[in-house]
Structure formats: structure tokens, C-alpha cells
């Protein structure tokens, strides 16, 4: 009797098709759901992708500009360092002139009695304006191994270029251009230190005239047997 009661209750509670499925133990079929992206989702994804692309392009362009700027300034900085290094090295290599007497004794120039020409780094004032220093510097490079080997060195401006000229004991001259575009070249002696020479100049880039650098530095002689002296061009 209990079994029949359960059947009657199920028959009344469910529709006809569901009654049979439930009665015989068959599962109900579920309707499959449709999956995919909506138009709004696709639009948002496209906007995000576009923003990422713009950011990458902006960063790449900024890095490219920085790289070009650094490359251009690196070449110019090398020219500046070359000019400074050439003058600095030349002044540091200055040694006193040495001579021998009839007895084979060694004498520094200006040391022997009656020798009134001391060892000098000479600054030549070509524009005759002592207030701004001189525009040319000259000195000797010597070696104690060969006392007759004296190299006369001049550094000056010619046609807007910084030039280094050397003259060997035989009178042969050799010139090199240190920097192509240089202005306001000045060499100054220090009244408080006769062993120091101050150098100033303006170097302009060959390719970009707007790129300039004002240099100002001092070089101290490595020997106290040579001093710096200013003289006017006669």
C-alpha cells in the first residue's frame, strides 16, 4: 500500500514526461549554454591592446632619441678630452734644458753664472692685451739621455683651429690640428705660482655649431726648474 501511495504522489506532482523519467530513473536533459565574448568585451580588449602598443612605441622613440643624443655628445666629448689631454700632457713633459761645459759638467739652463736665460714656458701675448693672457704657448721637450735632442713645441690658433707645431734640432717642422673649431684661446700665468699655467678656450662641434663647450683648467709643471713667463709679441 505504501508503494502505491508514493507512485500516486509522484504522478500528481510532476508533468507527464517528467513523471515517466523520474519513475524509471532517467536523468533530465539540460539545455547546453552558449559561450563566447560579447561586443563590449571585444571593444575593451582592443582599447587595452592599442594603449599597450602606444606605450611601447613611445618608450622606443624616447630611447632612440636618447641614444642619438648620447652618441652625438659622446663624439664631441671625445674631442674635448683630446684637446685637454694634448695640452696637459705637453706641459707635464716639460723638462729643463741641460748643457755641458768644457769640463763635462752638467748645467741646467739659467743655473750657470752668466747665463741669464732660465728654463721657461713662454706665453706669447699676440693681441697685446695682457688682461686676458696670451694666445700662444711655447716650450721645449728634452731628455737627459740625449742632451742635444730638443724639441721646440708651440700651441696656438690658426684659421680657427687649435694647432700644435714642433721643430726638431734640424729645423724640420711638423704640424697637427688638435681641434678644428676653437675660439677664445688664452694662456695665463699665475702670479702666486710661477710653476702653473691656466688654459681656457671654447670648442665648437664640427657638425653642430650650436654645440659648444667652454673649457678652463690649470696645469702644474712637474719640475721647479722651469717657470712660466708672459711676454708681449714684438
C-alpha atoms as a PDB file:
ATOM      1  CA  UNK A   1       0.000   0.000   0.000  1.00  0.00           C
ATOM      2  CA  UNK A   2       2.876   2.347   0.814  1.00  0.00           C
ATOM      3  CA  UNK A   3       4.440   1.730  -2.623  1.00  0.00           C
ATOM      4  CA  UNK A   4       1.239   2.675  -4.437  1.00  0.00           C
ATOM      5  CA  UNK A   5       0.931   5.811  -2.322  1.00  0.00           C
ATOM      6  CA  UNK A   6       4.373   7.045  -3.458  1.00  0.00           C
ATOM      7  CA  UNK A   7       3.501   6.434  -7.111  1.00  0.00           C
ATOM      8  CA  UNK A   8       0.287   8.422  -6.864  1.00  0.00           C
ATOM      9  CA  UNK A   9       2.055  11.345  -5.145  1.00  0.00           C
ATOM     10  CA  UNK A  10       4.759  11.473  -7.889  1.00  0.00           C
ATOM     11  CA  UNK A  11       2.106  11.259 -10.566  1.00  0.00           C
ATOM     12  CA  UNK A  12       0.308  14.322  -9.262  1.00  0.00           C
ATOM     13  CA  UNK A  13       3.429  16.416  -8.556  1.00  0.00           C
ATOM     14  CA  UNK A  14       5.329  16.213 -11.922  1.00  0.00           C
ATOM     15  CA  UNK A  15       4.226  16.693 -15.517  1.00  0.00           C
ATOM     16  CA  UNK A  16       3.606  13.703 -17.671  1.00  0.00           C
ATOM     17  CA  UNK A  17       7.046  13.464 -19.371  1.00  0.00           C
ATOM     18  CA  UNK A  18       8.896  14.208 -16.164  1.00  0.00           C
ATOM     19  CA  UNK A  19       6.844  11.641 -14.305  1.00  0.00           C
ATOM     20  CA  UNK A  20       7.999   8.828 -16.549  1.00  0.00           C
ATOM     21  CA  UNK A  21      11.640   9.921 -16.405  1.00  0.00           C
ATOM     22  CA  UNK A  22      11.579  10.247 -12.667  1.00  0.00           C
ATOM     23  CA  UNK A  23       9.649   6.998 -12.229  1.00  0.00           C
ATOM     24  CA  UNK A  24      12.031   4.915 -14.332  1.00  0.00           C
ATOM     25  CA  UNK A  25      15.177   6.679 -13.039  1.00  0.00           C
ATOM     26  CA  UNK A  26      16.217   8.614 -16.216  1.00  0.00           C
ATOM     27  CA  UNK A  27      18.048  11.957 -15.663  1.00  0.00           C
ATOM     28  CA  UNK A  28      16.563  15.165 -17.000  1.00  0.00           C
ATOM     29  CA  UNK A  29      18.283  16.677 -20.025  1.00  0.00           C
ATOM     30  CA  UNK A  30      19.784  20.183 -19.503  1.00  0.00           C
ATOM     31  CA  UNK A  31      19.849  22.748 -22.290  1.00  0.00           C
ATOM     32  CA  UNK A  32      23.504  23.492 -23.347  1.00  0.00           C
ATOM     33  CA  UNK A  33      24.632  27.127 -22.612  1.00  0.00           C
ATOM     34  CA  UNK A  34      26.171  29.224 -25.379  1.00  0.00           C
ATOM     35  CA  UNK A  35      29.746  30.586 -24.534  1.00  0.00           C
ATOM     36  CA  UNK A  36      31.760  33.498 -26.220  1.00  0.00           C
ATOM     37  CA  UNK A  37      32.853  37.158 -25.980  1.00  0.00           C
ATOM     38  CA  UNK A  38      30.409  39.965 -26.075  1.00  0.00           C
ATOM     39  CA  UNK A  39      30.919  43.088 -28.213  1.00  0.00           C
ATOM     40  CA  UNK A  40      31.753  45.153 -25.119  1.00  0.00           C
ATOM     41  CA  UNK A  41      34.440  42.705 -24.035  1.00  0.00           C
ATOM     42  CA  UNK A  42      36.000  42.732 -27.506  1.00  0.00           C
ATOM     43  CA  UNK A  43      35.977  46.552 -27.566  1.00  0.00           C
ATOM     44  CA  UNK A  44      37.680  46.804 -24.180  1.00  0.00           C
ATOM     45  CA  UNK A  45      40.345  44.280 -25.253  1.00  0.00           C
ATOM     46  CA  UNK A  46      41.040  46.258 -28.429  1.00  0.00           C
ATOM     47  CA  UNK A  47      41.419  49.507 -26.466  1.00  0.00           C
ATOM     48  CA  UNK A  48      43.820  47.877 -23.976  1.00  0.00           C
ATOM     49  CA  UNK A  49      45.924  46.392 -26.810  1.00  0.00           C
ATOM     50  CA  UNK A  50      46.066  49.796 -28.533  1.00  0.00           C
ATOM     51  CA  UNK A  51      47.197  51.509 -25.310  1.00  0.00           C
ATOM     52  CA  UNK A  52      49.932  48.917 -24.770  1.00  0.00           C
ATOM     53  CA  UNK A  53      51.124  49.425 -28.350  1.00  0.00           C
ATOM     54  CA  UNK A  54      51.238  53.220 -27.906  1.00  0.00           C
ATOM     55  CA  UNK A  55      53.219  52.894 -24.683  1.00  0.00           C
ATOM     56  CA  UNK A  56      55.758  50.577 -26.331  1.00  0.00           C
ATOM     57  CA  UNK A  57      56.120  52.931 -29.322  1.00  0.00           C
ATOM     58  CA  UNK A  58      56.556  55.950 -27.033  1.00  0.00           C
ATOM     59  CA  UNK A  59      59.226  54.229 -24.932  1.00  0.00           C
ATOM     60  CA  UNK A  60      61.070  53.016 -28.039  1.00  0.00           C
ATOM     61  CA  UNK A  61      61.033  56.503 -29.576  1.00  0.00           C
ATOM     62  CA  UNK A  62      62.301  58.058 -26.339  1.00  0.00           C
ATOM     63  CA  UNK A  63      65.141  55.545 -26.100  1.00  0.00           C
ATOM     64  CA  UNK A  64      66.061  56.138 -29.744  1.00  0.00           C
ATOM     65  CA  UNK A  65      66.237  59.913 -29.211  1.00  0.00           C
ATOM     66  CA  UNK A  66      68.339  59.446 -26.067  1.00  0.00           C
ATOM     67  CA  UNK A  67      70.695  57.103 -27.899  1.00  0.00           C
ATOM     68  CA  UNK A  68      71.200  59.573 -30.773  1.00  0.00           C
ATOM     69  CA  UNK A  69      71.731  62.441 -28.316  1.00  0.00           C
ATOM     70  CA  UNK A  70      74.257  60.406 -26.342  1.00  0.00           C
ATOM     71  CA  UNK A  71      76.128  59.323 -29.462  1.00  0.00           C
ATOM     72  CA  UNK A  72      76.403  62.903 -30.730  1.00  0.00           C
ATOM     73  CA  UNK A  73      77.598  64.242 -27.370  1.00  0.00           C
ATOM     74  CA  UNK A  74      79.961  61.311 -26.855  1.00  0.00           C
ATOM     75  CA  UNK A  75      81.861  62.173 -30.055  1.00  0.00           C
ATOM     76  CA  UNK A  76      82.017  65.831 -29.041  1.00  0.00           C
ATOM     77  CA  UNK A  77      83.200  64.933 -25.537  1.00  0.00           C
ATOM     78  CA  UNK A  78      85.995  62.862 -27.052  1.00  0.00           C
ATOM     79  CA  UNK A  79      87.189  65.927 -28.986  1.00  0.00           C
ATOM     80  CA  UNK A  80      87.125  67.993 -25.800  1.00  0.00           C
ATOM     81  CA  UNK A  81      89.100  65.378 -23.887  1.00  0.00           C
ATOM     82  CA  UNK A  82      91.621  65.128 -26.723  1.00  0.00           C
ATOM     83  CA  UNK A  83      92.309  68.884 -26.661  1.00  0.00           C
ATOM     84  CA  UNK A  84      92.664  68.943 -22.884  1.00  0.00           C
ATOM     85  CA  UNK A  85      94.832  65.830 -22.809  1.00  0.00           C
ATOM     86  CA  UNK A  86      97.181  67.140 -25.509  1.00  0.00           C
ATOM     87  CA  UNK A  87      97.885  70.430 -23.718  1.00  0.00           C
ATOM     88  CA  UNK A  88      98.029  68.803 -20.289  1.00  0.00           C
ATOM     89  CA  UNK A  89     100.477  66.111 -21.450  1.00  0.00           C
ATOM     90  CA  UNK A  90     102.697  68.560 -23.335  1.00  0.00           C
ATOM     91  CA  UNK A  91     103.066  70.875 -20.335  1.00  0.00           C
ATOM     92  CA  UNK A  92     103.691  67.964 -17.971  1.00  0.00           C
ATOM     93  CA  UNK A  93     106.517  66.718 -20.227  1.00  0.00           C
ATOM     94  CA  UNK A  94     108.464  69.971 -19.982  1.00  0.00           C
ATOM     95  CA  UNK A  95     111.958  69.393 -18.595  1.00  0.00           C
ATOM     96  CA  UNK A  96     114.749  71.900 -18.000  1.00  0.00           C
ATOM     97  CA  UNK A  97     117.343  72.368 -20.704  1.00  0.00           C
ATOM     98  CA  UNK A  98     120.699  70.881 -19.764  1.00  0.00           C
ATOM     99  CA  UNK A  99     124.123  71.696 -21.201  1.00  0.00           C
ATOM    100  CA  UNK A 100     127.709  70.596 -20.549  1.00  0.00           C
ATOM    101  CA  UNK A 101     130.772  72.765 -20.140  1.00  0.00           C
ATOM    102  CA  UNK A 102     134.317  72.155 -21.320  1.00  0.00           C
ATOM    103  CA  UNK A 103     134.966  70.035 -18.246  1.00  0.00           C
ATOM    104  CA  UNK A 104     131.985  67.785 -18.842  1.00  0.00           C
ATOM    105  CA  UNK A 105     129.921  69.223 -16.007  1.00  0.00           C
ATOM    106  CA  UNK A 106     126.144  69.343 -16.418  1.00  0.00           C
ATOM    107  CA  UNK A 107     124.361  72.663 -16.025  1.00  0.00           C
ATOM    108  CA  UNK A 108     120.707  73.490 -16.103  1.00  0.00           C
ATOM    109  CA  UNK A 109     119.954  76.442 -18.315  1.00  0.00           C
ATOM    110  CA  UNK A 110     119.966  79.605 -16.223  1.00  0.00           C
ATOM    111  CA  UNK A 111     121.955  77.945 -13.417  1.00  0.00           C
ATOM    112  CA  UNK A 112     125.467  78.710 -14.618  1.00  0.00           C
ATOM    113  CA  UNK A 113     126.970  82.064 -13.704  1.00  0.00           C
ATOM    114  CA  UNK A 114     126.484  84.478 -16.569  1.00  0.00           C
ATOM    115  CA  UNK A 115     123.587  82.505 -18.069  1.00  0.00           C
ATOM    116  CA  UNK A 116     120.657  84.890 -17.881  1.00  0.00           C
ATOM    117  CA  UNK A 117     118.183  82.750 -19.853  1.00  0.00           C
ATOM    118  CA  UNK A 118     116.329  80.437 -17.453  1.00  0.00           C
ATOM    119  CA  UNK A 119     114.195  77.484 -18.394  1.00  0.00           C
ATOM    120  CA  UNK A 120     110.840  78.942 -19.365  1.00  0.00           C
ATOM    121  CA  UNK A 121     107.373  78.072 -20.561  1.00  0.00           C
ATOM    122  CA  UNK A 122     106.675  81.207 -22.562  1.00  0.00           C
ATOM    123  CA  UNK A 123     103.216  82.670 -23.073  1.00  0.00           C
ATOM    124  CA  UNK A 124     103.045  84.986 -26.067  1.00  0.00           C
ATOM    125  CA  UNK A 125     100.518  87.816 -25.951  1.00  0.00           C
ATOM    126  CA  UNK A 126      99.694  88.304 -29.626  1.00  0.00           C
ATOM    127  CA  UNK A 127      96.752  90.697 -29.206  1.00  0.00           C
ATOM    128  CA  UNK A 128      98.722  92.881 -26.763  1.00  0.00           C
ATOM    129  CA  UNK A 129      96.028  92.699 -24.124  1.00  0.00           C
ATOM    130  CA  UNK A 130      97.718  91.280 -21.017  1.00  0.00           C
ATOM    131  CA  UNK A 131      94.448  91.263 -19.101  1.00  0.00           C
ATOM    132  CA  UNK A 132      93.168  88.202 -20.987  1.00  0.00           C
ATOM    133  CA  UNK A 133      96.505  86.387 -21.025  1.00  0.00           C
ATOM    134  CA  UNK A 134      98.356  85.157 -24.084  1.00  0.00           C
ATOM    135  CA  UNK A 135      97.179  83.377 -27.201  1.00  0.00           C
ATOM    136  CA  UNK A 136     100.203  81.136 -27.744  1.00  0.00           C
ATOM    137  CA  UNK A 137     102.410  78.987 -25.550  1.00  0.00           C
ATOM    138  CA  UNK A 138     105.837  77.533 -26.336  1.00  0.00           C
ATOM    139  CA  UNK A 139     108.350  75.323 -24.532  1.00  0.00           C
ATOM    140  CA  UNK A 140     110.985  72.628 -25.052  1.00  0.00           C
ATOM    141  CA  UNK A 141     110.728  68.896 -24.670  1.00  0.00           C
ATOM    142  CA  UNK A 142     114.073  67.399 -23.719  1.00  0.00           C
ATOM    143  CA  UNK A 143     115.525  64.158 -22.474  1.00  0.00           C
ATOM    144  CA  UNK A 144     118.521  63.567 -20.225  1.00  0.00           C
ATOM    145  CA  UNK A 145     119.561  60.579 -22.313  1.00  0.00           C
ATOM    146  CA  UNK A 146     120.281  62.781 -25.332  1.00  0.00           C
ATOM    147  CA  UNK A 147     121.046  66.366 -24.348  1.00  0.00           C
ATOM    148  CA  UNK A 148     121.176  67.532 -27.961  1.00  0.00           C
ATOM    149  CA  UNK A 149     117.691  66.240 -28.656  1.00  0.00           C
ATOM    150  CA  UNK A 150     115.497  69.279 -28.075  1.00  0.00           C
ATOM    151  CA  UNK A 151     112.003  69.525 -29.485  1.00  0.00           C
ATOM    152  CA  UNK A 152     110.524  73.011 -29.613  1.00  0.00           C
ATOM    153  CA  UNK A 153     106.724  72.952 -29.177  1.00  0.00           C
ATOM    154  CA  UNK A 154     104.191  75.689 -29.942  1.00  0.00           C
ATOM    155  CA  UNK A 155     100.425  75.591 -29.358  1.00  0.00           C
ATOM    156  CA  UNK A 156      98.346  78.326 -30.949  1.00  0.00           C
ATOM    157  CA  UNK A 157      95.303  79.157 -33.072  1.00  0.00           C
ATOM    158  CA  UNK A 158      95.427  79.286 -36.849  1.00  0.00           C
ATOM    159  CA  UNK A 159      92.364  79.841 -39.036  1.00  0.00           C
ATOM    160  CA  UNK A 160      90.095  78.926 -36.136  1.00  0.00           C
ATOM    161  CA  UNK A 161      91.873  75.627 -35.422  1.00  0.00           C
ATOM    162  CA  UNK A 162      93.953  74.615 -32.422  1.00  0.00           C
ATOM    163  CA  UNK A 163      97.388  73.715 -33.825  1.00  0.00           C
ATOM    164  CA  UNK A 164     100.422  72.004 -32.309  1.00  0.00           C
ATOM    165  CA  UNK A 165     103.704  72.696 -34.091  1.00  0.00           C
ATOM    166  CA  UNK A 166     107.013  71.020 -33.298  1.00  0.00           C
ATOM    167  CA  UNK A 167     110.500  71.904 -34.516  1.00  0.00           C
ATOM    168  CA  UNK A 168     113.373  69.417 -34.169  1.00  0.00           C
ATOM    169  CA  UNK A 169     117.072  70.389 -33.787  1.00  0.00           C
ATOM    170  CA  UNK A 170     117.479  70.238 -37.577  1.00  0.00           C
ATOM    171  CA  UNK A 171     114.746  72.830 -38.102  1.00  0.00           C
ATOM    172  CA  UNK A 172     112.171  70.405 -39.508  1.00  0.00           C
ATOM    173  CA  UNK A 173     108.654  71.455 -38.595  1.00  0.00           C
ATOM    174  CA  UNK A 174     105.622  69.270 -38.100  1.00  0.00           C
ATOM    175  CA  UNK A 175     102.052  70.391 -37.510  1.00  0.00           C
ATOM    176  CA  UNK A 176      98.948  68.627 -36.290  1.00  0.00           C
ATOM    177  CA  UNK A 177      95.443  70.007 -35.753  1.00  0.00           C
ATOM    178  CA  UNK A 178      94.237  69.220 -32.258  1.00  0.00           C
ATOM    179  CA  UNK A 179      90.721  70.603 -32.767  1.00  0.00           C
ATOM    180  CA  UNK A 180      89.132  72.154 -35.847  1.00  0.00           C
ATOM    181  CA  UNK A 181      86.938  74.859 -34.301  1.00  0.00           C
ATOM    182  CA  UNK A 182      88.379  76.675 -31.308  1.00  0.00           C
ATOM    183  CA  UNK A 183      87.926  80.266 -30.163  1.00  0.00           C
ATOM    184  CA  UNK A 184      88.892  82.368 -27.148  1.00  0.00           C
ATOM    185  CA  UNK A 185      92.157  80.527 -26.560  1.00  0.00           C
ATOM    186  CA  UNK A 186      94.055  82.058 -23.661  1.00  0.00           C
ATOM    187  CA  UNK A 187      97.067  81.021 -21.592  1.00  0.00           C
ATOM    188  CA  UNK A 188      97.705  82.783 -18.302  1.00  0.00           C
ATOM    189  CA  UNK A 189     100.477  82.675 -15.751  1.00  0.00           C
ATOM    190  CA  UNK A 190      99.717  82.589 -12.059  1.00  0.00           C
ATOM    191  CA  UNK A 191     101.255  85.477 -10.159  1.00  0.00           C
ATOM    192  CA  UNK A 192     101.118  83.435  -6.956  1.00  0.00           C
ATOM    193  CA  UNK A 193     102.560  80.283  -8.504  1.00  0.00           C
ATOM    194  CA  UNK A 194     105.188  80.619 -11.262  1.00  0.00           C
ATOM    195  CA  UNK A 195     105.017  76.870 -11.930  1.00  0.00           C
ATOM    196  CA  UNK A 196     101.376  76.869 -13.026  1.00  0.00           C
ATOM    197  CA  UNK A 197      99.715  77.772 -16.306  1.00  0.00           C
ATOM    198  CA  UNK A 198      95.975  78.381 -16.737  1.00  0.00           C
ATOM    199  CA  UNK A 199      94.268  77.460 -20.015  1.00  0.00           C
ATOM    200  CA  UNK A 200      90.861  78.485 -21.331  1.00  0.00           C
ATOM    201  CA  UNK A 201      89.158  78.014 -24.698  1.00  0.00           C
ATOM    202  CA  UNK A 202      85.818  77.464 -26.403  1.00  0.00           C
ATOM    203  CA  UNK A 203      85.414  74.359 -28.558  1.00  0.00           C
ATOM    204  CA  UNK A 204      82.593  74.093 -31.114  1.00  0.00           C
ATOM    205  CA  UNK A 205      81.347  70.860 -32.629  1.00  0.00           C
ATOM    206  CA  UNK A 206      82.157  70.456 -36.337  1.00  0.00           C
ATOM    207  CA  UNK A 207      78.739  69.071 -37.239  1.00  0.00           C
ATOM    208  CA  UNK A 208      76.547  71.067 -34.886  1.00  0.00           C
ATOM    209  CA  UNK A 209      77.620  74.726 -34.438  1.00  0.00           C
ATOM    210  CA  UNK A 210      75.139  75.147 -31.601  1.00  0.00           C
ATOM    211  CA  UNK A 211      77.045  72.596 -29.526  1.00  0.00           C
ATOM    212  CA  UNK A 212      79.821  74.425 -27.668  1.00  0.00           C
ATOM    213  CA  UNK A 213      81.883  73.885 -24.561  1.00  0.00           C
ATOM    214  CA  UNK A 214      83.828  76.461 -22.552  1.00  0.00           C
ATOM    215  CA  UNK A 215      86.936  74.871 -21.058  1.00  0.00           C
ATOM    216  CA  UNK A 216      89.007  76.226 -18.213  1.00  0.00           C
ATOM    217  CA  UNK A 217      91.723  74.274 -16.432  1.00  0.00           C
ATOM    218  CA  UNK A 218      95.193  74.664 -14.952  1.00  0.00           C
ATOM    219  CA  UNK A 219      98.361  72.603 -15.375  1.00  0.00           C
ATOM    220  CA  UNK A 220     101.158  72.490 -12.843  1.00  0.00           C
ATOM    221  CA  UNK A 221     104.715  71.852 -14.016  1.00  0.00           C
ATOM    222  CA  UNK A 222     106.320  68.705 -12.653  1.00  0.00           C
ATOM    223  CA  UNK A 223     109.644  70.449 -12.041  1.00  0.00           C
ATOM    224  CA  UNK A 224     110.598  73.573 -10.123  1.00  0.00           C
ATOM    225  CA  UNK A 225     113.499  74.208 -12.510  1.00  0.00           C
ATOM    226  CA  UNK A 226     111.124  75.619 -15.145  1.00  0.00           C
ATOM    227  CA  UNK A 227     108.820  78.583 -14.659  1.00  0.00           C
ATOM    228  CA  UNK A 228     106.047  80.240 -16.638  1.00  0.00           C
ATOM    229  CA  UNK A 229     106.563  83.715 -18.070  1.00  0.00           C
ATOM    230  CA  UNK A 230     104.416  86.052 -20.153  1.00  0.00           C
ATOM    231  CA  UNK A 231     105.882  88.145 -22.918  1.00  0.00           C
ATOM    232  CA  UNK A 232     104.470  90.526 -25.474  1.00  0.00           C
ATOM    233  CA  UNK A 233     104.822  89.853 -29.179  1.00  0.00           C
ATOM    234  CA  UNK A 234     107.341  92.249 -30.647  1.00  0.00           C
END
